[in-house]
Amino acid sequence: LEESAIAFRESAKEAGIRVKIESIDIARMYSESLRKPTDFTVVHNNWFGRPTIDETLTPYVFTGSNWNLTQYSNPKVDGLLTEARRTVDFEKRKRLYGEVQKILWDEGPELVAYFRNYVSAARRNVKNYRLIPVQYVDLREVWLEK
């Protein structure tokens, strides 16, 4: 993450913004930095995607959620997320989550600086291995062919 932090610092210079980089271990990040959001300006982490759009949004932006570390609160977003969770119609859910994403884009409680490609591979004798796009490895139904 240090390389991308340095790139951010260098690009911020052009806007007259000074950036001090401090690398910390993940235990300290969780116990100190992320629990005291007023004590820092920017935290850069390398979290990966979640299996559903709801898991990608709700824990991080719903008012009072455990992982809402920016303390973001918007009753309209909360209402849209609640409605989307109750909706079984795919197209309606897609529209509701799209509205949430548009609001988050406009209000900017968080910044997604980049997306990483996820690459996975297996030898030919590894059978029934499936790529899981959220970077989990599930080997319960995998076997080796002799």
N, C-alpha and C. Protein backbone atom coordinates (compact mmCIF):
# COMPACT_ATOMS: atom_id res chain seq x y z
N LEU A 1 0.80 -1.21 0.00
CA LEU A 1 0.00 0.00 0.00
C LEU A 1 0.84 1.27 0.00
N GLU A 2 2.11 1.12 0.39
CA GLU A 2 2.95 2.32 0.48
C GLU A 2 3.14 2.99 -0.88
N GLU A 3 3.27 2.20 -1.93
CA GLU A 3 3.47 2.79 -3.25
C GLU A 3 2.28 3.65 -3.66
N SER A 4 1.07 3.17 -3.40
CA SER A 4 -0.10 3.97 -3.77
C SER A 4 -0.25 5.17 -2.85
N ALA A 5 0.16 5.05 -1.59
CA ALA A 5 0.13 6.20 -0.68
C ALA A 5 1.09 7.28 -1.16
N ILE A 6 2.25 6.86 -1.62
CA ILE A 6 3.23 7.82 -2.14
C ILE A 6 2.68 8.50 -3.40
N ALA A 7 2.06 7.73 -4.28
CA ALA A 7 1.46 8.31 -5.49
C ALA A 7 0.39 9.34 -5.12
N PHE A 8 -0.42 9.02 -4.12
CA PHE A 8 -1.44 9.96 -3.66
C PHE A 8 -0.79 11.23 -3.10
N ARG A 9 0.22 11.05 -2.28
CA ARG A 9 0.91 12.20 -1.70
C ARG A 9 1.46 13.12 -2.80
N GLU A 10 2.09 12.51 -3.81
CA GLU A 10 2.69 13.30 -4.88
C GLU A 10 1.62 14.04 -5.69
N SER A 11 0.50 13.37 -5.95
CA SER A 11 -0.55 14.05 -6.71
C SER A 11 -1.24 15.13 -5.88
N ALA A 12 -1.30 14.94 -4.56
CA ALA A 12 -1.90 15.96 -3.69
C ALA A 12 -1.05 17.22 -3.61
N LYS A 13 0.26 17.07 -3.79
CA LYS A 13 1.16 18.24 -3.77
C LYS A 13 0.71 19.29 -4.78
N GLU A 14 0.28 18.82 -5.95
CA GLU A 14 -0.14 19.74 -7.01
C GLU A 14 -1.33 20.60 -6.58
N ALA A 15 -2.12 20.09 -5.64
CA ALA A 15 -3.28 20.84 -5.13
C ALA A 15 -2.93 21.62 -3.88
N GLY A 16 -1.65 21.59 -3.48
CA GLY A 16 -1.22 22.31 -2.29
C GLY A 16 -1.54 21.59 -0.99
N ILE A 17 -1.77 20.30 -1.08
CA ILE A 17 -2.11 19.50 0.11
C ILE A 17 -0.89 18.73 0.55
N ARG A 18 -0.53 18.87 1.81
CA ARG A 18 0.60 18.12 2.38
C ARG A 18 0.07 16.81 2.95
N VAL A 19 0.74 15.72 2.64
CA VAL A 19 0.35 14.41 3.12
C VAL A 19 1.52 13.79 3.87
N LYS A 20 1.26 13.36 5.09
CA LYS A 20 2.24 12.63 5.88
C LYS A 20 1.83 11.16 5.86
N ILE A 21 2.73 10.30 5.47
CA ILE A 21 2.44 8.87 5.38
C ILE A 21 2.96 8.18 6.63
N GLU A 22 2.11 7.38 7.25
CA GLU A 22 2.52 6.57 8.39
C GLU A 22 1.99 5.16 8.16
N SER A 23 2.89 4.21 8.03
CA SER A 23 2.49 2.81 7.86
C SER A 23 2.32 2.19 9.24
N ILE A 24 1.17 1.54 9.44
CA ILE A 24 0.91 0.89 10.72
C ILE A 24 0.43 -0.53 10.46
N ASP A 25 0.57 -1.40 11.46
CA ASP A 25 0.10 -2.77 11.29
C ASP A 25 -1.41 -2.81 11.43
N ILE A 26 -1.99 -3.89 10.96
CA ILE A 26 -3.45 -3.98 10.88
C ILE A 26 -4.09 -3.97 12.27
N ALA A 27 -3.44 -4.56 13.27
CA ALA A 27 -4.00 -4.55 14.62
C ALA A 27 -4.15 -3.12 15.14
N ARG A 28 -3.15 -2.31 14.90
CA ARG A 28 -3.23 -0.91 15.33
C ARG A 28 -4.27 -0.15 14.51
N MET A 29 -4.36 -0.47 13.22
CA MET A 29 -5.36 0.19 12.39
C MET A 29 -6.76 -0.04 12.96
N TYR A 30 -7.08 -1.30 13.30
CA TYR A 30 -8.40 -1.62 13.83
C TYR A 30 -8.61 -1.07 15.23
N SER A 31 -7.60 -1.15 16.08
CA SER A 31 -7.79 -0.75 17.48
C SER A 31 -7.71 0.76 17.69
N GLU A 32 -6.94 1.45 16.86
CA GLU A 32 -6.75 2.89 17.07
C GLU A 32 -7.32 3.74 15.94
N SER A 33 -6.70 3.67 14.80
CA SER A 33 -7.01 4.60 13.71
C SER A 33 -8.46 4.54 13.25
N LEU A 34 -8.99 3.34 13.04
CA LEU A 34 -10.34 3.24 12.51
C LEU A 34 -11.41 3.50 13.57
N ARG A 35 -11.07 3.40 14.82
CA ARG A 35 -12.05 3.65 15.89
C ARG A 35 -12.07 5.09 16.34
N LYS A 36 -11.16 5.90 15.85
CA LYS A 36 -11.10 7.32 16.19
C LYS A 36 -11.01 8.13 14.90
N PRO A 37 -12.09 8.13 14.10
CA PRO A 37 -11.99 8.75 12.78
C PRO A 37 -11.69 10.24 12.79
N THR A 38 -11.88 10.92 13.89
CA THR A 38 -11.55 12.35 13.90
C THR A 38 -10.07 12.58 14.12
N ASP A 39 -9.33 11.52 14.46
CA ASP A 39 -7.90 11.65 14.72
C ASP A 39 -7.04 11.50 13.48
N PHE A 40 -7.64 11.28 12.34
CA PHE A 40 -6.85 11.14 11.12
C PHE A 40 -7.60 11.75 9.95
N THR A 41 -6.91 11.98 8.91
CA THR A 41 -7.53 12.55 7.73
C THR A 41 -7.90 11.46 6.73
N VAL A 42 -6.96 10.57 6.44
CA VAL A 42 -7.18 9.54 5.44
C VAL A 42 -6.59 8.23 5.94
N VAL A 43 -7.33 7.16 5.78
CA VAL A 43 -6.81 5.82 6.02
C VAL A 43 -6.93 5.07 4.70
N HIS A 44 -5.87 4.41 4.33
CA HIS A 44 -5.85 3.64 3.09
C HIS A 44 -5.72 2.18 3.47
N ASN A 45 -6.70 1.40 3.07
CA ASN A 45 -6.60 -0.03 3.32
C ASN A 45 -6.85 -0.76 2.02
N ASN A 46 -6.78 -2.06 2.08
CA ASN A 46 -6.82 -2.86 0.87
C ASN A 46 -7.93 -3.91 0.96
N TRP A 47 -9.10 -3.48 1.40
CA TRP A 47 -10.21 -4.41 1.51
C TRP A 47 -10.63 -4.88 0.14
N PHE A 48 -11.24 -6.04 0.11
CA PHE A 48 -11.70 -6.58 -1.16
C PHE A 48 -13.21 -6.62 -1.19
N GLY A 49 -13.75 -7.03 -2.31
CA GLY A 49 -15.18 -7.03 -2.52
C GLY A 49 -15.94 -7.99 -1.64
N ARG A 50 -17.22 -7.89 -1.68
CA ARG A 50 -18.13 -8.75 -0.92
C ARG A 50 -19.03 -9.49 -1.91
N PRO A 51 -19.63 -10.59 -1.48
CA PRO A 51 -20.44 -11.40 -2.41
C PRO A 51 -21.67 -10.70 -2.98
N THR A 52 -22.26 -9.77 -2.22
CA THR A 52 -23.46 -9.09 -2.72
C THR A 52 -23.28 -7.58 -2.59
N ILE A 53 -24.08 -6.85 -3.35
CA ILE A 53 -24.02 -5.40 -3.29
C ILE A 53 -24.42 -4.91 -1.90
N ASP A 54 -25.37 -5.60 -1.27
CA ASP A 54 -25.79 -5.19 0.07
C ASP A 54 -24.63 -5.31 1.06
N GLU A 55 -23.89 -6.40 0.99
CA GLU A 55 -22.74 -6.58 1.87
C GLU A 55 -21.62 -5.59 1.56
N THR A 56 -21.62 -5.07 0.35
CA THR A 56 -20.61 -4.09 -0.05
C THR A 56 -20.96 -2.70 0.47
N LEU A 57 -22.24 -2.41 0.64
CA LEU A 57 -22.66 -1.06 1.02
C LEU A 57 -23.14 -0.93 2.47
N THR A 58 -24.12 -1.73 2.86
CA THR A 58 -24.81 -1.51 4.13
C THR A 58 -23.90 -1.45 5.35
N PRO A 59 -22.98 -2.38 5.55
CA PRO A 59 -22.16 -2.31 6.78
C PRO A 59 -21.29 -1.06 6.87
N TYR A 60 -21.05 -0.41 5.74
CA TYR A 60 -20.10 0.70 5.70
C TYR A 60 -20.76 2.08 5.64
N VAL A 61 -22.04 2.15 5.25
CA VAL A 61 -22.66 3.47 5.11
C VAL A 61 -24.01 3.61 5.81
N PHE A 62 -24.59 2.53 6.31
CA PHE A 62 -25.85 2.62 7.03
C PHE A 62 -25.59 3.27 8.39
N THR A 63 -26.41 4.23 8.75
CA THR A 63 -26.21 4.97 10.00
C THR A 63 -26.05 4.01 11.18
N GLY A 64 -24.94 4.16 11.90
CA GLY A 64 -24.69 3.38 13.11
C GLY A 64 -24.16 1.98 12.88
N SER A 65 -23.94 1.57 11.63
CA SER A 65 -23.41 0.22 11.38
C SER A 65 -22.01 0.08 11.96
N ASN A 66 -21.67 -1.15 12.32
CA ASN A 66 -20.36 -1.42 12.94
C ASN A 66 -19.18 -0.97 12.11
N TRP A 67 -19.26 -1.12 10.79
CA TRP A 67 -18.12 -0.79 9.94
C TRP A 67 -18.26 0.59 9.30
N ASN A 68 -19.23 1.39 9.75
CA ASN A 68 -19.41 2.74 9.24
C ASN A 68 -18.41 3.65 9.95
N LEU A 69 -17.15 3.50 9.58
CA LEU A 69 -16.06 4.17 10.28
C LEU A 69 -15.97 5.65 9.97
N THR A 70 -16.59 6.10 8.88
CA THR A 70 -16.60 7.53 8.59
C THR A 70 -17.74 8.24 9.33
N GLN A 71 -18.56 7.47 10.01
CA GLN A 71 -19.74 7.98 10.73
C GLN A 71 -20.70 8.69 9.78
N TYR A 72 -20.75 8.19 8.56
CA TYR A 72 -21.65 8.73 7.55
C TYR A 72 -23.09 8.45 7.98
N SER A 73 -23.96 9.41 7.76
CA SER A 73 -25.37 9.24 8.10
C SER A 73 -26.22 10.01 7.10
N ASN A 74 -27.09 9.29 6.41
CA ASN A 74 -28.02 9.90 5.48
C ASN A 74 -29.32 9.10 5.53
N PRO A 75 -30.39 9.68 6.08
CA PRO A 75 -31.66 8.95 6.19
C PRO A 75 -32.18 8.43 4.85
N LYS A 76 -31.93 9.15 3.76
CA LYS A 76 -32.39 8.68 2.45
C LYS A 76 -31.64 7.40 2.06
N VAL A 77 -30.32 7.38 2.28
CA VAL A 77 -29.53 6.17 2.00
C VAL A 77 -30.01 5.02 2.87
N ASP A 78 -30.23 5.28 4.15
CA ASP A 78 -30.73 4.23 5.05
C ASP A 78 -32.05 3.67 4.54
N GLY A 79 -32.95 4.55 4.10
CA GLY A 79 -34.25 4.10 3.60
C GLY A 79 -34.13 3.29 2.32
N LEU A 80 -33.28 3.73 1.40
CA LEU A 80 -33.08 2.99 0.16
C LEU A 80 -32.48 1.61 0.42
N LEU A 81 -31.49 1.55 1.32
CA LEU A 81 -30.87 0.26 1.65
C LEU A 81 -31.89 -0.68 2.30
N THR A 82 -32.69 -0.15 3.21
CA THR A 82 -33.71 -0.96 3.88
C THR A 82 -34.72 -1.48 2.87
N GLU A 83 -35.17 -0.61 1.98
CA GLU A 83 -36.14 -1.03 0.95
C GLU A 83 -35.52 -2.08 0.02
N ALA A 84 -34.28 -1.87 -0.37
CA ALA A 84 -33.62 -2.82 -1.27
C ALA A 84 -33.50 -4.20 -0.64
N ARG A 85 -33.20 -4.24 0.64
CA ARG A 85 -33.06 -5.54 1.33
C ARG A 85 -34.38 -6.31 1.37
N ARG A 86 -35.49 -5.59 1.35
CA ARG A 86 -36.81 -6.22 1.43
C ARG A 86 -37.36 -6.60 0.07
N THR A 87 -36.73 -6.09 -0.98
CA THR A 87 -37.26 -6.23 -2.33
C THR A 87 -36.72 -7.49 -2.98
N VAL A 88 -37.62 -8.31 -3.50
CA VAL A 88 -37.18 -9.54 -4.18
C VAL A 88 -37.07 -9.35 -5.69
N ASP A 89 -37.69 -8.30 -6.22
CA ASP A 89 -37.61 -8.03 -7.65
C ASP A 89 -36.22 -7.53 -8.00
N PHE A 90 -35.49 -8.28 -8.84
CA PHE A 90 -34.10 -7.97 -9.16
C PHE A 90 -33.94 -6.58 -9.74
N GLU A 91 -34.75 -6.21 -10.72
CA GLU A 91 -34.60 -4.91 -11.37
C GLU A 91 -34.85 -3.76 -10.41
N LYS A 92 -35.82 -3.92 -9.52
CA LYS A 92 -36.09 -2.87 -8.53
C LYS A 92 -34.92 -2.75 -7.54
N ARG A 93 -34.42 -3.90 -7.10
CA ARG A 93 -33.26 -3.88 -6.19
C ARG A 93 -32.07 -3.19 -6.87
N LYS A 94 -31.84 -3.54 -8.11
CA LYS A 94 -30.73 -2.95 -8.86
C LYS A 94 -30.87 -1.43 -8.92
N ARG A 95 -32.09 -0.95 -9.17
CA ARG A 95 -32.34 0.49 -9.24
C ARG A 95 -32.10 1.15 -7.88
N LEU A 96 -32.57 0.51 -6.81
CA LEU A 96 -32.40 1.08 -5.45
C LEU A 96 -30.93 1.17 -5.07
N TYR A 97 -30.20 0.09 -5.29
CA TYR A 97 -28.76 0.12 -4.97
C TYR A 97 -28.02 1.11 -5.88
N GLY A 98 -28.49 1.27 -7.11
CA GLY A 98 -27.92 2.26 -7.99
C GLY A 98 -28.13 3.68 -7.46
N GLU A 99 -29.32 3.94 -6.91
CA GLU A 99 -29.58 5.25 -6.30
C GLU A 99 -28.65 5.50 -5.13
N VAL A 100 -28.44 4.48 -4.31
CA VAL A 100 -27.52 4.61 -3.17
C VAL A 100 -26.12 4.96 -3.67
N GLN A 101 -25.65 4.24 -4.68
CA GLN A 101 -24.31 4.49 -5.21
C GLN A 101 -24.17 5.90 -5.78
N LYS A 102 -25.21 6.40 -6.41
CA LYS A 102 -25.18 7.77 -6.94
C LYS A 102 -25.06 8.79 -5.80
N ILE A 103 -25.82 8.59 -4.73
CA ILE A 103 -25.73 9.50 -3.57
C ILE A 103 -24.33 9.43 -2.97
N LEU A 104 -23.81 8.23 -2.81
CA LEU A 104 -22.47 8.08 -2.22
C LEU A 104 -21.41 8.73 -3.12
N TRP A 105 -21.59 8.61 -4.43
CA TRP A 105 -20.67 9.26 -5.37
C TRP A 105 -20.71 10.78 -5.18
N ASP A 106 -21.91 11.32 -5.06
CA ASP A 106 -22.07 12.77 -4.92
C ASP A 106 -21.59 13.29 -3.57
N GLU A 107 -21.82 12.52 -2.50
CA GLU A 107 -21.49 12.99 -1.15
C GLU A 107 -20.09 12.59 -0.71
N GLY A 108 -19.57 11.51 -1.28
CA GLY A 108 -18.18 11.12 -1.05
C GLY A 108 -17.74 10.81 0.36
N PRO A 109 -18.47 9.95 1.11
CA PRO A 109 -17.97 9.60 2.44
C PRO A 109 -16.69 8.76 2.39
N GLU A 110 -16.48 8.09 1.27
CA GLU A 110 -15.29 7.27 1.08
C GLU A 110 -14.82 7.44 -0.36
N LEU A 111 -13.57 7.12 -0.58
CA LEU A 111 -12.99 7.21 -1.91
C LEU A 111 -12.45 5.84 -2.29
N VAL A 112 -12.87 5.34 -3.43
CA VAL A 112 -12.32 4.11 -3.96
C VAL A 112 -11.24 4.52 -4.95
N ALA A 113 -10.00 4.35 -4.54
CA ALA A 113 -8.88 4.85 -5.33
C ALA A 113 -8.54 3.95 -6.51
N TYR A 114 -8.86 2.68 -6.42
CA TYR A 114 -8.51 1.76 -7.49
C TYR A 114 -9.28 0.46 -7.31
N PHE A 115 -9.30 -0.32 -8.35
CA PHE A 115 -9.84 -1.68 -8.32
C PHE A 115 -8.73 -2.61 -8.76
N ARG A 116 -8.60 -3.72 -8.07
CA ARG A 116 -7.56 -4.69 -8.42
C ARG A 116 -8.18 -5.84 -9.19
N ASN A 117 -7.45 -6.34 -10.15
CA ASN A 117 -7.85 -7.57 -10.80
C ASN A 117 -7.59 -8.72 -9.84
N TYR A 118 -8.44 -9.71 -9.90
CA TYR A 118 -8.28 -10.89 -9.06
C TYR A 118 -7.96 -12.06 -9.97
N VAL A 119 -6.82 -12.65 -9.76
CA VAL A 119 -6.36 -13.74 -10.61
C VAL A 119 -6.27 -15.01 -9.78
N SER A 120 -6.71 -16.10 -10.35
CA SER A 120 -6.65 -17.39 -9.67
C SER A 120 -6.31 -18.45 -10.71
N ALA A 121 -5.62 -19.49 -10.28
CA ALA A 121 -5.25 -20.56 -11.21
C ALA A 121 -5.16 -21.88 -10.46
N ALA A 122 -5.27 -22.95 -11.20
CA ALA A 122 -5.12 -24.29 -10.62
C ALA A 122 -4.53 -25.20 -11.68
N ARG A 123 -3.81 -26.21 -11.23
CA ARG A 123 -3.26 -27.21 -12.15
C ARG A 123 -4.38 -28.06 -12.74
N ARG A 124 -4.08 -28.73 -13.83
CA ARG A 124 -5.09 -29.54 -14.52
C ARG A 124 -5.63 -30.68 -13.65
N ASN A 125 -4.83 -31.15 -12.72
CA ASN A 125 -5.31 -32.28 -11.89
C ASN A 125 -6.14 -31.81 -10.70
N VAL A 126 -6.31 -30.53 -10.52
CA VAL A 126 -7.17 -30.00 -9.47
C VAL A 126 -8.58 -29.90 -10.06
N LYS A 127 -9.50 -30.64 -9.48
CA LYS A 127 -10.86 -30.73 -10.02
C LYS A 127 -11.88 -30.03 -9.12
N ASN A 128 -12.85 -29.42 -9.79
CA ASN A 128 -13.98 -28.75 -9.15
C ASN A 128 -13.60 -27.48 -8.39
N TYR A 129 -12.46 -26.91 -8.73
CA TYR A 129 -12.06 -25.63 -8.13
C TYR A 129 -12.81 -24.52 -8.84
N ARG A 130 -13.40 -23.63 -8.07
CA ARG A 130 -14.14 -22.51 -8.65
C ARG A 130 -13.55 -21.20 -8.15
N LEU A 131 -13.47 -20.26 -9.06
CA LEU A 131 -13.02 -18.92 -8.71
C LEU A 131 -14.12 -18.21 -7.93
N ILE A 132 -13.79 -17.70 -6.78
CA ILE A 132 -14.73 -16.92 -5.98
C ILE A 132 -14.23 -15.49 -6.00
N PRO A 133 -14.97 -14.57 -6.61
CA PRO A 133 -14.44 -13.23 -6.87
C PRO A 133 -14.18 -12.38 -5.63
N VAL A 134 -14.51 -12.85 -4.46
CA VAL A 134 -14.24 -12.05 -3.25
C VAL A 134 -12.98 -12.53 -2.54
N GLN A 135 -12.16 -13.28 -3.23
CA GLN A 135 -10.84 -13.71 -2.77
C GLN A 135 -10.86 -14.77 -1.67
N TYR A 136 -11.99 -15.41 -1.47
CA TYR A 136 -12.02 -16.53 -0.53
C TYR A 136 -11.66 -17.79 -1.31
N VAL A 137 -11.07 -18.74 -0.64
CA VAL A 137 -10.77 -20.02 -1.26
C VAL A 137 -11.59 -21.07 -0.54
N ASP A 138 -12.48 -21.73 -1.26
CA ASP A 138 -13.34 -22.77 -0.72
C ASP A 138 -12.93 -24.09 -1.35
N LEU A 139 -12.31 -24.94 -0.57
CA LEU A 139 -11.79 -26.21 -1.09
C LEU A 139 -12.64 -27.42 -0.65
N ARG A 140 -13.83 -27.17 -0.13
CA ARG A 140 -14.65 -28.27 0.39
C ARG A 140 -15.00 -29.31 -0.67
N GLU A 141 -15.15 -28.91 -1.92
CA GLU A 141 -15.56 -29.85 -2.96
C GLU A 141 -14.48 -30.02 -4.03
N VAL A 142 -13.25 -29.72 -3.67
CA VAL A 142 -12.12 -29.83 -4.60
C VAL A 142 -11.40 -31.14 -4.36
N TRP A 143 -10.94 -31.77 -5.43
CA TRP A 143 -10.16 -32.99 -5.29
C TRP A 143 -9.03 -33.00 -6.31
N LEU A 144 -8.04 -33.84 -6.07
CA LEU A 144 -6.93 -34.01 -6.99
C LEU A 144 -7.12 -35.29 -7.78
N GLU A 145 -6.97 -35.18 -9.09
CA GLU A 145 -7.03 -36.34 -9.95
C GLU A 145 -5.64 -36.93 -10.05
N LYS A 146 -5.58 -38.24 -9.95
CA LYS A 146 -4.27 -38.91 -10.01
C LYS A 146 -3.89 -39.24 -11.41
